[in-house]
C-alpha atoms as a PDB file:
ATOM      1  CA  MET A   1      10.334 -13.547  22.844  1.00  0.00           C
ATOM      2  CA  ARG A   2      10.575 -15.899  25.824  1.00  0.00           C
ATOM      3  CA  ILE A   3      13.991 -15.834  27.541  1.00  0.00           C
ATOM      4  CA  ALA A   4      15.955 -17.051  30.564  1.00  0.00           C
ATOM      5  CA  ILE A   5      18.400 -14.723  32.263  1.00  0.00           C
ATOM      6  CA  VAL A   6      21.423 -16.030  34.336  1.00  0.00           C
ATOM      7  CA  THR A   7      23.787 -13.746  36.036  1.00  0.00           C
ATOM      8  CA  GLY A   8      27.335 -15.068  37.056  1.00  0.00           C
ATOM      9  CA  ALA A   9      27.014 -17.154  33.889  1.00  0.00           C
ATOM     10  CA  SER A  10      30.662 -17.310  32.944  1.00  0.00           C
ATOM     11  CA  SER A  11      31.594 -20.084  35.393  1.00  0.00           C
ATOM     12  CA  GLY A  12      30.636 -22.302  38.105  1.00  0.00           C
ATOM     13  CA  MET A  13      26.877 -22.698  39.231  1.00  0.00           C
ATOM     14  CA  GLY A  14      25.817 -19.918  36.745  1.00  0.00           C
ATOM     15  CA  ARG A  15      27.391 -21.712  33.855  1.00  0.00           C
ATOM     16  CA  GLU A  16      25.755 -24.926  34.711  1.00  0.00           C
ATOM     17  CA  PHE A  17      22.326 -23.235  34.974  1.00  0.00           C
ATOM     18  CA  VAL A  18      22.824 -22.020  31.338  1.00  0.00           C
ATOM     19  CA  LEU A  19      23.706 -25.557  30.187  1.00  0.00           C
ATOM     20  CA  GLN A  20      20.968 -27.351  32.002  1.00  0.00           C
ATOM     21  CA  LEU A  21      17.874 -25.016  32.111  1.00  0.00           C
ATOM     22  CA  GLY A  22      16.731 -26.156  28.646  1.00  0.00           C
ATOM     23  CA  GLN A  23      15.652 -29.376  30.143  1.00  0.00           C
ATOM     24  CA  TYR A  24      13.030 -27.606  32.228  1.00  0.00           C
ATOM     25  CA  VAL A  25      11.883 -24.383  30.529  1.00  0.00           C
ATOM     26  CA  GLN A  26      11.259 -23.586  26.898  1.00  0.00           C
ATOM     27  CA  VAL A  27      12.868 -20.346  25.880  1.00  0.00           C
ATOM     28  CA  ASP A  28      14.041 -18.815  22.627  1.00  0.00           C
ATOM     29  CA  GLU A  29      17.268 -17.450  24.113  1.00  0.00           C
ATOM     30  CA  ILE A  30      19.348 -17.226  27.221  1.00  0.00           C
ATOM     31  CA  TRP A  31      20.782 -13.977  28.338  1.00  0.00           C
ATOM     32  CA  ALA A  32      24.177 -14.835  29.974  1.00  0.00           C
ATOM     33  CA  VAL A  33      25.250 -12.003  32.239  1.00  0.00           C
ATOM     34  CA  ALA A  34      28.898 -11.772  33.470  1.00  0.00           C
ATOM     35  CA  ARG A  35      31.945  -9.669  33.032  1.00  0.00           C
ATOM     36  CA  ARG A  36      34.108 -11.980  30.869  1.00  0.00           C
ATOM     37  CA  LYS A  37      33.094 -11.806  27.277  1.00  0.00           C
ATOM     38  CA  GLU A  38      35.298 -14.777  26.141  1.00  0.00           C
ATOM     39  CA  ALA A  39      33.669 -17.128  28.629  1.00  0.00           C
ATOM     40  CA  LEU A  40      30.321 -16.051  27.642  1.00  0.00           C
ATOM     41  CA  GLU A  41      31.049 -16.630  24.120  1.00  0.00           C
ATOM     42  CA  ALA A  42      32.322 -20.074  24.934  1.00  0.00           C
ATOM     43  CA  LEU A  43      28.782 -20.906  26.144  1.00  0.00           C
ATOM     44  CA  LYS A  44      27.279 -20.669  22.650  1.00  0.00           C
ATOM     45  CA  PRO A  45      28.484 -24.012  21.329  1.00  0.00           C
ATOM     46  CA  ALA A  46      27.989 -25.728  24.707  1.00  0.00           C
ATOM     47  CA  SER A  47      24.408 -24.756  25.221  1.00  0.00           C
ATOM     48  CA  GLY A  48      21.391 -26.424  23.574  1.00  0.00           C
ATOM     49  CA  VAL A  49      19.621 -23.085  23.672  1.00  0.00           C
ATOM     50  CA  PRO A  50      20.777 -19.941  21.855  1.00  0.00           C
ATOM     51  CA  VAL A  51      22.920 -17.782  24.207  1.00  0.00           C
ATOM     52  CA  ARG A  52      23.137 -14.076  24.124  1.00  0.00           C
ATOM     53  CA  PRO A  53      26.227 -12.794  25.865  1.00  0.00           C
ATOM     54  CA  VAL A  54      25.401  -9.687  28.075  1.00  0.00           C
ATOM     55  CA  CYS A  55      28.803  -8.282  29.345  1.00  0.00           C
ATOM     56  CA  LEU A  56      27.984  -6.422  32.586  1.00  0.00           C
ATOM     57  CA  ASP A  57      29.917  -6.008  35.786  1.00  0.00           C
ATOM     58  CA  LEU A  58      27.226  -5.859  38.428  1.00  0.00           C
ATOM     59  CA  LEU A  59      29.651  -4.086  40.858  1.00  0.00           C
ATOM     60  CA  GLN A  60      29.387  -1.068  38.529  1.00  0.00           C
ATOM     61  CA  GLU A  61      26.282   1.123  38.922  1.00  0.00           C
ATOM     62  CA  ASP A  62      25.911   1.905  35.335  1.00  0.00           C
ATOM     63  CA  SER A  63      25.503  -1.753  34.634  1.00  0.00           C
ATOM     64  CA  PHE A  64      21.872  -1.663  36.028  1.00  0.00           C
ATOM     65  CA  ALA A  65      21.021   1.199  33.606  1.00  0.00           C
ATOM     66  CA  GLN A  66      22.201  -0.799  30.772  1.00  0.00           C
ATOM     67  CA  TYR A  67      20.325  -3.807  32.005  1.00  0.00           C
ATOM     68  CA  ARG A  68      17.168  -1.674  32.329  1.00  0.00           C
ATOM     69  CA  GLU A  69      17.537  -0.263  28.719  1.00  0.00           C
ATOM     70  CA  LEU A  70      18.181  -3.641  27.308  1.00  0.00           C
ATOM     71  CA  LEU A  71      14.952  -5.009  28.863  1.00  0.00           C
ATOM     72  CA  GLN A  72      12.889  -1.969  27.761  1.00  0.00           C
ATOM     73  CA  ARG A  73      14.256  -2.204  24.117  1.00  0.00           C
ATOM     74  CA  GLU A  74      13.709  -6.014  23.724  1.00  0.00           C
ATOM     75  CA  ASN A  75      10.616  -6.296  25.955  1.00  0.00           C
ATOM     76  CA  PRO A  76      11.029 -10.035  26.442  1.00  0.00           C
ATOM     77  CA  GLU A  77       8.950 -12.423  28.398  1.00  0.00           C
ATOM     78  CA  VAL A  78      11.222 -13.716  31.205  1.00  0.00           C
ATOM     79  CA  ARG A  79      10.383 -17.273  32.103  1.00  0.00           C
ATOM     80  CA  LEU A  80      13.423 -17.905  34.320  1.00  0.00           C
ATOM     81  CA  LEU A  81      15.875 -15.608  36.159  1.00  0.00           C
ATOM     82  CA  VAL A  82      18.829 -17.108  37.853  1.00  0.00           C
ATOM     83  CA  ASN A  83      20.742 -14.781  40.099  1.00  0.00           C
ATOM     84  CA  GLY A  84      24.057 -16.613  40.288  1.00  0.00           C
ATOM     85  CA  ALA A  85      26.634 -13.755  40.529  1.00  0.00           C
ATOM     86  CA  GLY A  86      28.443 -13.491  43.897  1.00  0.00           C
ATOM     87  CA  PHE A  87      31.688 -13.970  45.660  1.00  0.00           C
ATOM     88  CA  GLY A  88      33.183 -14.499  49.052  1.00  0.00           C
ATOM     89  CA  LYS A  89      36.406 -14.157  51.116  1.00  0.00           C
ATOM     90  CA  PHE A  90      37.695 -16.388  53.884  1.00  0.00           C
ATOM     91  CA  GLY A  91      39.825 -15.319  56.883  1.00  0.00           C
ATOM     92  CA  ASP A  92      39.778 -13.194  59.995  1.00  0.00           C
ATOM     93  CA  PHE A  93      37.318 -10.344  59.374  1.00  0.00           C
ATOM     94  CA  ARG A  94      39.948  -7.862  60.346  1.00  0.00           C
ATOM     95  CA  GLN A  95      42.199  -9.077  57.643  1.00  0.00           C
ATOM     96  CA  ILE A  96      39.655  -8.662  54.939  1.00  0.00           C
ATOM     97  CA  SER A  97      39.609  -5.190  53.476  1.00  0.00           C
ATOM     98  CA  LEU A  98      36.755  -2.934  53.996  1.00  0.00           C
ATOM     99  CA  GLU A  99      36.553  -2.571  50.195  1.00  0.00           C
ATOM    100  CA  ASP A 100      36.119  -6.444  49.814  1.00  0.00           C
ATOM    101  CA  ASP A 101      33.438  -6.427  52.679  1.00  0.00           C
ATOM    102  CA  SER A 102      31.487  -3.673  50.811  1.00  0.00           C
ATOM    103  CA  ARG A 103      31.996  -5.547  47.289  1.00  0.00           C
ATOM    104  CA  MET A 104      30.467  -8.706  48.829  1.00  0.00           C
ATOM    105  CA  ILE A 105      27.414  -6.768  50.113  1.00  0.00           C
ATOM    106  CA  ASP A 106      27.041  -4.902  46.957  1.00  0.00           C
ATOM    107  CA  LEU A 107      27.308  -8.052  44.600  1.00  0.00           C
ATOM    108  CA  ASN A 108      25.708 -10.722  46.784  1.00  0.00           C
ATOM    109  CA  CYS A 109      22.869  -8.586  48.080  1.00  0.00           C
ATOM    110  CA  LYS A 110      22.333  -5.111  46.426  1.00  0.00           C
ATOM    111  CA  ALA A 111      22.959  -6.405  42.931  1.00  0.00           C
ATOM    112  CA  LEU A 112      20.599  -9.506  43.470  1.00  0.00           C
ATOM    113  CA  VAL A 113      17.831  -7.199  44.663  1.00  0.00           C
ATOM    114  CA  LYS A 114      18.303  -4.723  41.733  1.00  0.00           C
ATOM    115  CA  ILE A 115      18.291  -7.555  38.999  1.00  0.00           C
ATOM    116  CA  THR A 116      15.349  -9.150  40.737  1.00  0.00           C
ATOM    117  CA  ARG A 117      13.380  -5.930  40.799  1.00  0.00           C
ATOM    118  CA  LEU A 118      14.224  -4.815  37.228  1.00  0.00           C
ATOM    119  CA  THR A 119      13.312  -8.190  35.823  1.00  0.00           C
ATOM    120  CA  LEU A 120       9.973  -8.778  37.625  1.00  0.00           C
ATOM    121  CA  PRO A 121       7.878  -6.476  35.347  1.00  0.00           C
ATOM    122  CA  TYR A 122       8.803  -8.839  32.435  1.00  0.00           C
ATOM    123  CA  MET A 123       7.779 -11.978  34.299  1.00  0.00           C
ATOM    124  CA  ARG A 124       4.259 -13.632  33.987  1.00  0.00           C
ATOM    125  CA  ARG A 125       2.354 -16.377  35.815  1.00  0.00           C
ATOM    126  CA  GLY A 126       4.359 -19.430  35.659  1.00  0.00           C
ATOM    127  CA  SER A 127       7.717 -17.774  35.640  1.00  0.00           C
ATOM    128  CA  HIS A 128      10.457 -18.809  38.159  1.00  0.00           C
ATOM    129  CA  ILE A 129      13.322 -17.114  39.951  1.00  0.00           C
ATOM    130  CA  ALA A 130      16.300 -18.979  41.494  1.00  0.00           C
ATOM    131  CA  GLU A 131      18.414 -16.876  44.029  1.00  0.00           C
ATOM    132  CA  LEU A 132      21.859 -18.433  44.600  1.00  0.00           C
ATOM    133  CA  ASP A 133      22.292 -18.714  48.313  1.00  0.00           C
ATOM    134  CA  SER A 134      24.558 -20.950  50.534  1.00  0.00           C
ATOM    135  CA  LEU A 135      24.692 -23.258  53.424  1.00  0.00           C
ATOM    136  CA  SER A 136      26.250 -20.446  55.447  1.00  0.00           C
ATOM    137  CA  ALA A 137      22.813 -18.539  55.242  1.00  0.00           C
ATOM    138  CA  PHE A 138      21.522 -20.729  58.080  1.00  0.00           C
ATOM    139  CA  GLN A 139      24.110 -19.824  60.770  1.00  0.00           C
ATOM    140  CA  PRO A 140      26.752 -17.278  61.726  1.00  0.00           C
ATOM    141  CA  VAL A 141      30.084 -18.471  60.279  1.00  0.00           C
ATOM    142  CA  PRO A 142      33.364 -17.226  61.836  1.00  0.00           C
ATOM    143  CA  TYR A 143      35.967 -16.649  59.248  1.00  0.00           C
ATOM    144  CA  ILE A 144      33.379 -16.402  56.567  1.00  0.00           C
ATOM    145  CA  THR A 145      31.651 -13.561  58.362  1.00  0.00           C
ATOM    146  CA  THR A 146      30.468 -11.075  55.867  1.00  0.00           C
ATOM    147  CA  TYR A 147      29.889 -13.539  53.024  1.00  0.00           C
ATOM    148  CA  GLY A 148      27.728 -15.711  55.500  1.00  0.00           C
ATOM    149  CA  ALA A 149      25.830 -12.609  56.504  1.00  0.00           C
ATOM    150  CA  THR A 150      25.121 -11.672  52.944  1.00  0.00           C
ATOM    151  CA  LYS A 151      23.670 -15.151  52.258  1.00  0.00           C
ATOM    152  CA  ALA A 152      21.414 -14.907  55.380  1.00  0.00           C
ATOM    153  CA  PHE A 153      20.039 -11.876  53.675  1.00  0.00           C
ATOM    154  CA  VAL A 154      19.398 -13.737  50.384  1.00  0.00           C
ATOM    155  CA  LEU A 155      17.670 -16.483  52.245  1.00  0.00           C
ATOM    156  CA  SER A 156      15.309 -14.169  54.071  1.00  0.00           C
ATOM    157  CA  TYR A 157      14.643 -11.953  51.021  1.00  0.00           C
ATOM    158  CA  THR A 158      13.955 -14.961  48.863  1.00  0.00           C
ATOM    159  CA  ARG A 159      11.569 -16.544  51.158  1.00  0.00           C
ATOM    160  CA  ALA A 160       9.632 -13.296  51.722  1.00  0.00           C
ATOM    161  CA  ILE A 161       9.113 -12.346  48.129  1.00  0.00           C
ATOM    162  CA  ASN A 162       8.170 -15.884  47.217  1.00  0.00           C
ATOM    163  CA  GLN A 163       5.227 -15.517  49.660  1.00  0.00           C
ATOM    164  CA  GLU A 164       4.266 -12.097  48.077  1.00  0.00           C
ATOM    165  CA  LEU A 165       4.617 -13.342  44.511  1.00  0.00           C
ATOM    166  CA  LYS A 166       2.399 -16.486  44.951  1.00  0.00           C
ATOM    167  CA  PRO A 167      -0.831 -14.772  44.090  1.00  0.00           C
ATOM    168  CA  GLU A 168       0.757 -13.671  40.717  1.00  0.00           C
ATOM    169  CA  GLY A 169       1.969 -17.271  40.076  1.00  0.00           C
ATOM    170  CA  ILE A 170       5.705 -16.479  40.108  1.00  0.00           C
ATOM    171  CA  ARG A 171       7.788 -18.877  42.115  1.00  0.00           C
ATOM    172  CA  VAL A 172      11.004 -17.878  43.877  1.00  0.00           C
ATOM    173  CA  MET A 173      13.354 -20.285  45.355  1.00  0.00           C
ATOM    174  CA  ALA A 174      16.839 -20.065  47.222  1.00  0.00           C
ATOM    175  CA  VAL A 175      19.567 -22.522  46.151  1.00  0.00           C
ATOM    176  CA  SER A 176      21.540 -23.202  49.247  1.00  0.00           C
ATOM    177  CA  PRO A 177      24.443 -25.625  48.526  1.00  0.00           C
ATOM    178  CA  GLY A 178      27.281 -26.660  50.679  1.00  0.00           C
ATOM    179  CA  TRP A 179      30.810 -26.725  49.380  1.00  0.00           C
ATOM    180  CA  VAL A 180      30.893 -26.696  45.552  1.00  0.00           C
ATOM    181  CA  LYS A 181      34.013 -27.064  43.468  1.00  0.00           C
ATOM    182  CA  THR A 182      33.925 -23.941  41.529  1.00  0.00           C
ATOM    183  CA  GLU A 183      36.076 -20.721  40.862  1.00  0.00           C
ATOM    184  CA  PHE A 184      34.430 -19.374  44.164  1.00  0.00           C
ATOM    185  CA  PHE A 185      37.594 -20.625  45.899  1.00  0.00           C
ATOM    186  CA  ASN A 186      39.944 -18.503  43.730  1.00  0.00           C
ATOM    187  CA  HIS A 187      38.686 -15.442  45.471  1.00  0.00           C
ATOM    188  CA  ALA A 188      37.999 -16.972  48.834  1.00  0.00           C
ATOM    189  CA  PHE A 189      41.492 -18.217  49.402  1.00  0.00           C
ATOM    190  CA  GLU A 190      43.165 -14.948  48.525  1.00  0.00           C
ATOM    191  CA  THR A 191      42.651 -13.692  52.162  1.00  0.00           C
ATOM    192  CA  ASN A 192      42.638 -17.120  53.935  1.00  0.00           C
ATOM    193  CA  GLN A 193      45.681 -17.549  56.127  1.00  0.00           C
ATOM    194  CA  GLY A 194      44.634 -21.067  57.519  1.00  0.00           C
ATOM    195  CA  GLN A 195      41.608 -20.004  59.383  1.00  0.00           C
ATOM    196  CA  VAL A 196      39.290 -22.117  56.927  1.00  0.00           C
ATOM    197  CA  ARG A 197      40.762 -25.499  55.931  1.00  0.00           C
ATOM    198  CA  TYR A 198      38.124 -28.142  56.768  1.00  0.00           C
ATOM    199  CA  PHE A 199      35.726 -28.952  53.909  1.00  0.00           C
ATOM    200  CA  ASN A 200      33.630 -31.946  55.208  1.00  0.00           C
ATOM    201  CA  ARG A 201      32.034 -32.700  51.702  1.00  0.00           C
ATOM    202  CA  LEU A 202      32.677 -31.335  48.274  1.00  0.00           C
ATOM    203  CA  TYR A 203      30.001 -31.422  45.391  1.00  0.00           C
ATOM    204  CA  GLU A 204      30.077 -30.888  41.736  1.00  0.00           C
ATOM    205  CA  ALA A 205      28.304 -27.848  40.296  1.00  0.00           C
ATOM    206  CA  LYS A 206      26.455 -29.927  37.770  1.00  0.00           C
ATOM    207  CA  ASP A 207      24.917 -32.077  40.444  1.00  0.00           C
ATOM    208  CA  VAL A 208      23.894 -29.072  42.736  1.00  0.00           C
ATOM    209  CA  VAL A 209      22.292 -27.336  39.647  1.00  0.00           C
ATOM    210  CA  ALA A 210      20.403 -30.539  38.639  1.00  0.00           C
ATOM    211  CA  THR A 211      18.885 -30.759  42.091  1.00  0.00           C
ATOM    212  CA  ALA A 212      18.014 -27.014  42.077  1.00  0.00           C
ATOM    213  CA  LEU A 213      16.253 -27.264  38.798  1.00  0.00           C
ATOM    214  CA  ARG A 214      14.281 -30.293  39.760  1.00  0.00           C
ATOM    215  CA  ASP A 215      13.291 -28.674  42.950  1.00  0.00           C
ATOM    216  CA  LEU A 216      12.305 -25.375  41.268  1.00  0.00           C
ATOM    217  CA  TYR A 217      10.132 -26.967  38.732  1.00  0.00           C
ATOM    218  CA  ARG A 218       8.878 -30.163  40.303  1.00  0.00           C
ATOM    219  CA  SER A 219       8.353 -29.160  44.030  1.00  0.00           C
ATOM    220  CA  LYS A 220       6.800 -26.513  46.136  1.00  0.00           C
ATOM    221  CA  LYS A 221      10.064 -25.741  48.051  1.00  0.00           C
ATOM    222  CA  ASP A 222      11.349 -22.243  48.720  1.00  0.00           C
ATOM    223  CA  VAL A 223      14.818 -23.464  49.468  1.00  0.00           C
ATOM    224  CA  SER A 224      16.797 -26.139  47.568  1.00  0.00           C
ATOM    225  CA  VAL A 225      19.556 -28.075  49.478  1.00  0.00           C
ATOM    226  CA  HIS A 226      21.555 -30.620  47.519  1.00  0.00           C
ATOM    227  CA  GLY A 227      22.785 -33.714  49.483  1.00  0.00           C
ATOM    228  CA  LEU A 228      21.362 -35.528  52.444  1.00  0.00           C
ATOM    229  CA  PRO A 229      24.461 -34.680  54.662  1.00  0.00           C
ATOM    230  CA  VAL A 230      23.863 -31.061  53.900  1.00  0.00           C
ATOM    231  CA  ARG A 231      20.134 -31.281  54.556  1.00  0.00           C
ATOM    232  CA  ALA A 232      20.978 -32.886  57.872  1.00  0.00           C
ATOM    233  CA  GLN A 233      23.280 -30.051  58.759  1.00  0.00           C
ATOM    234  CA  VAL A 234      20.672 -27.503  57.962  1.00  0.00           C
ATOM    235  CA  LEU A 235      18.283 -29.370  60.441  1.00  0.00           C
ATOM    236  CA  MET A 236      20.930 -29.431  63.220  1.00  0.00           C
ATOM    237  CA  VAL A 237      21.780 -25.873  62.975  1.00  0.00           C
ATOM    238  CA  LYS A 238      18.076 -24.929  63.312  1.00  0.00           C
ATOM    239  CA  LEU A 239      17.753 -27.130  66.514  1.00  0.00           C
ATOM    240  CA  LEU A 240      21.175 -26.228  68.224  1.00  0.00           C
ATOM    241  CA  PRO A 241      22.199 -22.996  69.828  1.00  0.00           C
ATOM    242  CA  HIS A 242      24.206 -21.082  67.286  1.00  0.00           C
ATOM    243  CA  SER A 243      26.784 -20.419  69.967  1.00  0.00           C
ATOM    244  CA  LEU A 244      27.450 -24.237  70.050  1.00  0.00           C
ATOM    245  CA  VAL A 245      27.298 -24.547  66.213  1.00  0.00           C
ATOM    246  CA  MET A 246      29.985 -21.755  65.845  1.00  0.00           C
ATOM    247  CA  LYS A 247      32.198 -23.490  68.295  1.00  0.00           C
ATOM    248  CA  VAL A 248      31.939 -26.837  66.591  1.00  0.00           C
ATOM    249  CA  TRP A 249      32.744 -25.038  63.247  1.00  0.00           C
ATOM    250  CA  GLN A 250      35.824 -23.359  64.770  1.00  0.00           C
ATOM    251  CA  SER A 251      37.022 -26.603  66.210  1.00  0.00           C
ATOM    252  CA  GLN A 252      36.816 -28.344  62.828  1.00  0.00           C
ATOM    253  CA  GLN A 253      38.936 -25.686  61.233  1.00  0.00           C
ATOM    254  CA  LYS A 254      41.983 -26.851  63.425  1.00  0.00           C
ATOM    255  CA  LYS A 255      42.258 -29.996  60.994  1.00  0.00           C
ATOM    256  CA  GLU A 256      42.539 -30.089  57.297  1.00  0.00           C
ATOM    257  CA  LYS A 257      40.081 -31.946  55.156  1.00  0.00           C
ATOM    258  CA  ASN A 258      39.563 -31.928  51.296  1.00  0.00           C
ATOM    259  CA  ASN A 259      41.310 -28.573  51.097  1.00  0.00           C
ATOM    260  CA  THR A 260      43.903 -29.235  48.355  1.00  0.00           C
ATOM    261  CA  GLY A 261      43.312 -28.437  44.693  1.00  0.00           C
ATOM    262  CA  LEU A 262      40.188 -26.444  45.207  1.00  0.00           C
ATOM    263  CA  THR A 263      41.187 -23.391  43.230  1.00  0.00           C
ATOM    264  CA  THR A 264      40.295 -23.411  39.518  1.00  0.00           C
ATOM    265  CA  GLN A 265      42.086 -21.182  37.102  1.00  0.00           C
ATOM    266  CA  SER A 266      39.720 -18.880  35.265  1.00  0.00           C
END
């Protein structure tokens, strides 16, 4: 059985990957991984490919044992893995609880590594992996401190394993979008007390995912960045001192832009 696996599939970018991946890869089934069973069930009539809901909370250690057992029992050929699970918190790092900091690291980094490593033995030449990253991976970001640091890890990890897996014909790519209108903001705004309020450009998840899949299957990129303005920003932060980049970012946050109506009820 040839399958695709998408974590964080219940909403946002993960959900869009489930809906669009059938245009690029032929699989018998999509394993949609997330906590919310009802949201996963809702994917079945929306997807052009049969969806198997896999209800796992990737912040719980026993979920990885369940995932390993499922792979061993079904022994599928995994043609595509999308690690879309993750969350962030905005605000002064001292106002964000240590528990939330630890949860961001556990989900955005540790769970991504574990799912990747557990899945790889079931992948063959021609298989693909998309690791969901962020524009914040390219620079230190005050008021998005821990989240940005976790995404810097994802970027480095993804690029490195892509090089190691090239001889085996398995391609790995980071998906590094700017601001995307998803449920991400529901969590992020919980701790935000006005520190982050300037969102220069907002993109739709469906458009970012369309670019990501095209880049994954029709290019040799190890990073996908949607939108010319975002690609220009990535270039600038590579050329400018990070001390200056952070000052510009903090200065932008003194004014509001595109910051209303961002939260989406789950």
